[in-house]
Amino acid sequence: DELSKALGTAVFIENDVNTLGLAELWFGNASSAKDSLVVTIGQGIGLCVMRDGKLLNIPAEFGHTQVSANGRMCNCGNVGCLEALAGEQALIDSVRQLHPESKISSAEQVYALAKTDPQVHMILEQAAAEIGHGLANLINLFKPRTVFLAGEGLLAGPAFTAQIQASALERTHPLLRGTFNLEIDELAEVAW
């Protein structure tokens, strides 16, 4: 209320991934894809669902969906969450386990190392496969026309996104394959 009064206009507080989805809907490619998902990959793994051209405002915790019964412990207390297997901290932790002497402290360092270290490259491939697994679950549930991928995790490069797409297609119900487009969100850099 006080912020609205100070600015002289209505102020709304919203989840960052939902605001990216709205920006995509209003100014980007989602304006023609009325049923779409925006999935962000980075520190966390987020989700925005749009149905019939409107934000479906659900408290989605996509990063905390279970993709592995025997996976790592997540910071939420569960085991096998997507974020615990494929989020930035999971990648950093995996590289540190592989190379205990390394001073890896960022996902960008992981991406750079993956270009020269085949084992680190495999860590990224596995993370991408897990994200694709999670995407397939979303596609099977929501039947979107378009899935937009966004976030700093895409800095891992085209091979990373190709693996996400291959894994998603492999695990999507056969009747839904070919019914959706997977796009890299061009608006994300400006909208965030």
Protein backbone atom coordinates (compact mmCIF):
# COMPACT_ATOMS: atom_id res chain seq x y z
CA ASP A 1 0.00 0.00 0.00
CA GLU A 2 2.69 2.48 0.97
CA LEU A 3 4.69 1.77 -2.19
CA SER A 4 1.55 2.24 -4.32
CA LYS A 5 0.89 5.57 -2.62
CA ALA A 6 4.48 6.72 -3.03
CA LEU A 7 4.55 5.83 -6.73
CA GLY A 8 0.98 6.86 -7.49
CA THR A 9 0.19 3.59 -9.22
CA ALA A 10 -0.77 0.04 -8.35
CA VAL A 11 2.15 -2.17 -7.30
CA PHE A 12 2.09 -5.97 -7.40
CA ILE A 13 4.63 -8.40 -6.03
CA GLU A 14 5.08 -11.57 -8.06
CA ASN A 15 7.42 -14.51 -8.44
CA ASP A 16 10.33 -13.74 -10.79
CA VAL A 17 9.58 -16.64 -13.13
CA ASN A 18 5.93 -15.61 -13.38
CA THR A 19 6.98 -12.06 -14.27
CA LEU A 20 9.23 -13.46 -17.00
CA GLY A 21 6.27 -15.50 -18.26
CA LEU A 22 4.08 -12.39 -18.33
CA ALA A 23 6.78 -10.45 -20.20
CA GLU A 24 6.97 -13.31 -22.70
CA LEU A 25 3.19 -13.29 -23.02
CA TRP A 26 2.90 -9.52 -23.44
CA PHE A 27 6.03 -8.74 -25.47
CA GLY A 28 7.53 -12.00 -26.71
CA ASN A 29 6.75 -15.20 -28.54
CA ALA A 30 4.17 -16.45 -26.03
CA SER A 31 1.70 -13.88 -27.38
CA SER A 32 0.99 -16.34 -30.20
CA ALA A 33 1.38 -19.46 -28.04
CA LYS A 34 -1.48 -19.10 -25.58
CA ASP A 35 -0.72 -22.37 -23.78
CA SER A 36 2.91 -22.31 -22.82
CA LEU A 37 5.46 -22.98 -20.11
CA VAL A 38 8.49 -20.93 -19.14
CA VAL A 39 11.17 -23.00 -17.42
CA THR A 40 14.15 -21.22 -15.90
CA ILE A 41 17.42 -22.99 -15.24
CA GLY A 42 19.97 -21.52 -12.89
CA GLN A 43 20.47 -21.41 -9.13
CA GLY A 44 16.97 -22.86 -8.94
CA ILE A 45 14.73 -24.39 -11.56
CA GLY A 46 11.53 -22.42 -11.96
CA LEU A 47 8.23 -22.71 -13.77
CA CYS A 48 5.56 -20.40 -15.10
CA VAL A 49 2.40 -21.91 -16.61
CA MET A 50 0.25 -19.94 -19.05
CA ARG A 51 -3.13 -21.26 -20.16
CA ASP A 52 -5.43 -19.56 -22.67
CA GLY A 53 -3.14 -16.53 -22.74
CA LYS A 54 -3.29 -15.99 -18.98
CA LEU A 55 -0.91 -16.68 -16.13
CA LEU A 56 -2.02 -19.76 -14.24
CA ASN A 57 -0.92 -18.49 -10.86
CA ILE A 58 -0.10 -21.71 -9.08
CA PRO A 59 2.59 -22.04 -6.41
CA ALA A 60 4.73 -24.25 -8.64
CA GLU A 61 7.96 -25.59 -7.19
CA PHE A 62 9.20 -27.35 -10.31
CA GLY A 63 12.75 -27.55 -8.98
CA HIS A 64 11.44 -29.58 -6.07
CA THR A 65 9.64 -32.24 -8.08
CA GLN A 66 11.09 -35.70 -7.62
CA VAL A 67 13.00 -37.08 -10.60
CA SER A 68 15.15 -39.63 -8.77
CA ALA A 69 14.21 -41.91 -5.89
CA ASN A 70 17.88 -42.26 -4.92
CA GLY A 71 19.14 -38.80 -5.74
CA ARG A 72 20.92 -36.21 -3.65
CA MET A 73 19.53 -34.55 -0.58
CA CYS A 74 17.96 -31.22 -1.51
CA ASN A 75 18.07 -28.05 0.57
CA CYS A 76 14.29 -28.44 1.00
CA GLY A 77 14.86 -31.68 2.94
CA ASN A 78 13.66 -34.11 0.28
CA VAL A 79 15.76 -36.51 -1.78
CA GLY A 80 15.93 -36.56 -5.57
CA CYS A 81 14.57 -33.09 -6.36
CA LEU A 82 15.34 -31.83 -9.84
CA GLU A 83 17.16 -28.80 -8.41
CA ALA A 84 19.38 -31.05 -6.25
CA LEU A 85 20.43 -32.91 -9.40
CA ALA A 86 20.62 -30.15 -12.00
CA GLY A 87 20.65 -26.73 -10.35
CA GLU A 88 23.81 -24.62 -10.29
CA GLN A 89 24.87 -25.72 -6.81
CA ALA A 90 24.43 -29.37 -7.78
CA LEU A 91 26.77 -28.86 -10.75
CA ILE A 92 29.36 -27.10 -8.60
CA ASP A 93 29.16 -29.82 -5.94
CA SER A 94 29.54 -32.58 -8.54
CA VAL A 95 32.67 -30.99 -9.99
CA ARG A 96 34.12 -30.46 -6.51
CA GLN A 97 33.57 -34.17 -5.77
CA LEU A 98 35.24 -35.10 -9.03
CA HIS A 99 38.13 -32.63 -8.55
CA PRO A 100 38.47 -31.98 -4.78
CA GLU A 101 41.48 -29.76 -5.37
CA SER A 102 39.57 -27.43 -7.68
CA LYS A 103 38.44 -23.98 -6.66
CA ILE A 104 35.22 -24.15 -8.68
CA SER A 105 32.74 -21.68 -7.21
CA SER A 106 30.38 -20.81 -10.06
CA ALA A 107 28.34 -22.51 -12.73
CA GLU A 108 30.19 -20.46 -15.36
CA GLN A 109 33.42 -22.13 -14.26
CA VAL A 110 31.73 -25.52 -14.59
CA TYR A 111 30.60 -24.68 -18.14
CA ALA A 112 34.11 -23.59 -19.10
CA LEU A 113 35.69 -26.70 -17.61
CA ALA A 114 33.20 -28.94 -19.41
CA LYS A 115 34.74 -27.83 -22.72
CA THR A 116 38.05 -29.51 -21.85
CA ASP A 117 37.16 -32.14 -19.25
CA PRO A 118 35.07 -35.09 -20.54
CA GLN A 119 33.97 -36.06 -17.02
CA VAL A 120 32.64 -32.58 -16.32
CA HIS A 121 30.96 -32.63 -19.72
CA MET A 122 29.21 -35.84 -18.62
CA ILE A 123 28.01 -34.09 -15.44
CA LEU A 124 26.37 -31.42 -17.63
CA GLU A 125 24.87 -34.08 -19.91
CA GLN A 126 23.34 -35.86 -16.92
CA ALA A 127 21.95 -32.59 -15.54
CA ALA A 128 20.43 -31.80 -18.95
CA ALA A 129 18.91 -35.29 -19.11
CA GLU A 130 17.32 -34.78 -15.68
CA ILE A 131 15.89 -31.41 -16.73
CA GLY A 132 14.52 -33.05 -19.88
CA HIS A 133 12.94 -35.75 -17.72
CA GLY A 134 11.24 -33.05 -15.65
CA LEU A 135 10.13 -31.21 -18.81
CA ALA A 136 8.54 -34.38 -20.14
CA ASN A 137 6.48 -34.62 -16.97
CA LEU A 138 5.31 -31.02 -17.46
CA ILE A 139 4.50 -31.60 -21.12
CA ASN A 140 2.52 -34.72 -20.24
CA LEU A 141 0.57 -32.79 -17.58
CA PHE A 142 -0.05 -29.43 -19.29
CA LYS A 143 0.14 -30.17 -23.05
CA PRO A 144 1.72 -26.80 -23.88
CA ARG A 145 2.09 -25.50 -27.43
CA THR A 146 5.45 -23.94 -26.52
CA VAL A 147 8.03 -24.50 -23.82
CA PHE A 148 10.43 -21.58 -23.34
CA LEU A 149 13.78 -22.27 -21.68
CA ALA A 150 15.42 -19.32 -19.95
CA GLY A 151 17.96 -18.48 -17.30
CA GLU A 152 21.67 -18.36 -16.76
CA GLY A 153 21.88 -22.16 -16.99
CA LEU A 154 21.58 -21.81 -20.76
CA LEU A 155 25.12 -20.41 -20.76
CA ALA A 156 26.16 -24.07 -20.66
CA GLY A 157 25.70 -23.94 -24.43
CA PRO A 158 23.80 -25.48 -27.33
CA ALA A 159 24.83 -29.07 -26.50
CA PHE A 160 23.22 -28.65 -23.06
CA THR A 161 19.92 -27.44 -24.50
CA ALA A 162 20.03 -30.13 -27.21
CA GLN A 163 20.38 -32.79 -24.50
CA ILE A 164 17.45 -31.27 -22.58
CA GLN A 165 15.33 -31.43 -25.73
CA ALA A 166 16.38 -34.99 -26.59
CA SER A 167 15.63 -36.21 -23.08
CA ALA A 168 12.26 -34.41 -23.02
CA LEU A 169 11.24 -35.90 -26.36
CA GLU A 170 12.34 -39.37 -25.32
CA ARG A 171 10.21 -39.28 -22.18
CA THR A 172 7.18 -37.36 -23.45
CA HIS A 173 4.11 -39.48 -24.15
CA PRO A 174 4.26 -40.61 -27.80
CA LEU A 175 0.92 -38.95 -28.63
CA LEU A 176 2.27 -35.58 -27.44
CA ARG A 177 5.54 -35.67 -29.37
CA GLY A 178 5.44 -33.14 -32.16
CA THR A 179 2.65 -31.13 -30.53
CA PHE A 180 4.91 -28.54 -28.89
CA ASN A 181 7.90 -26.35 -29.66
CA LEU A 182 10.89 -25.98 -27.39
CA GLU A 183 12.37 -22.49 -27.69
CA ILE A 184 15.20 -20.60 -26.09
CA ASP A 185 13.68 -17.49 -24.53
CA GLU A 186 15.15 -14.53 -26.41
CA LEU A 187 13.37 -12.07 -24.14
CA ALA A 188 14.94 -13.34 -20.90
CA GLU A 189 18.03 -11.13 -20.95
CA VAL A 190 15.92 -7.98 -21.29
CA ALA A 191 12.96 -9.07 -19.17
CA TRP A 192 14.87 -10.15 -16.06
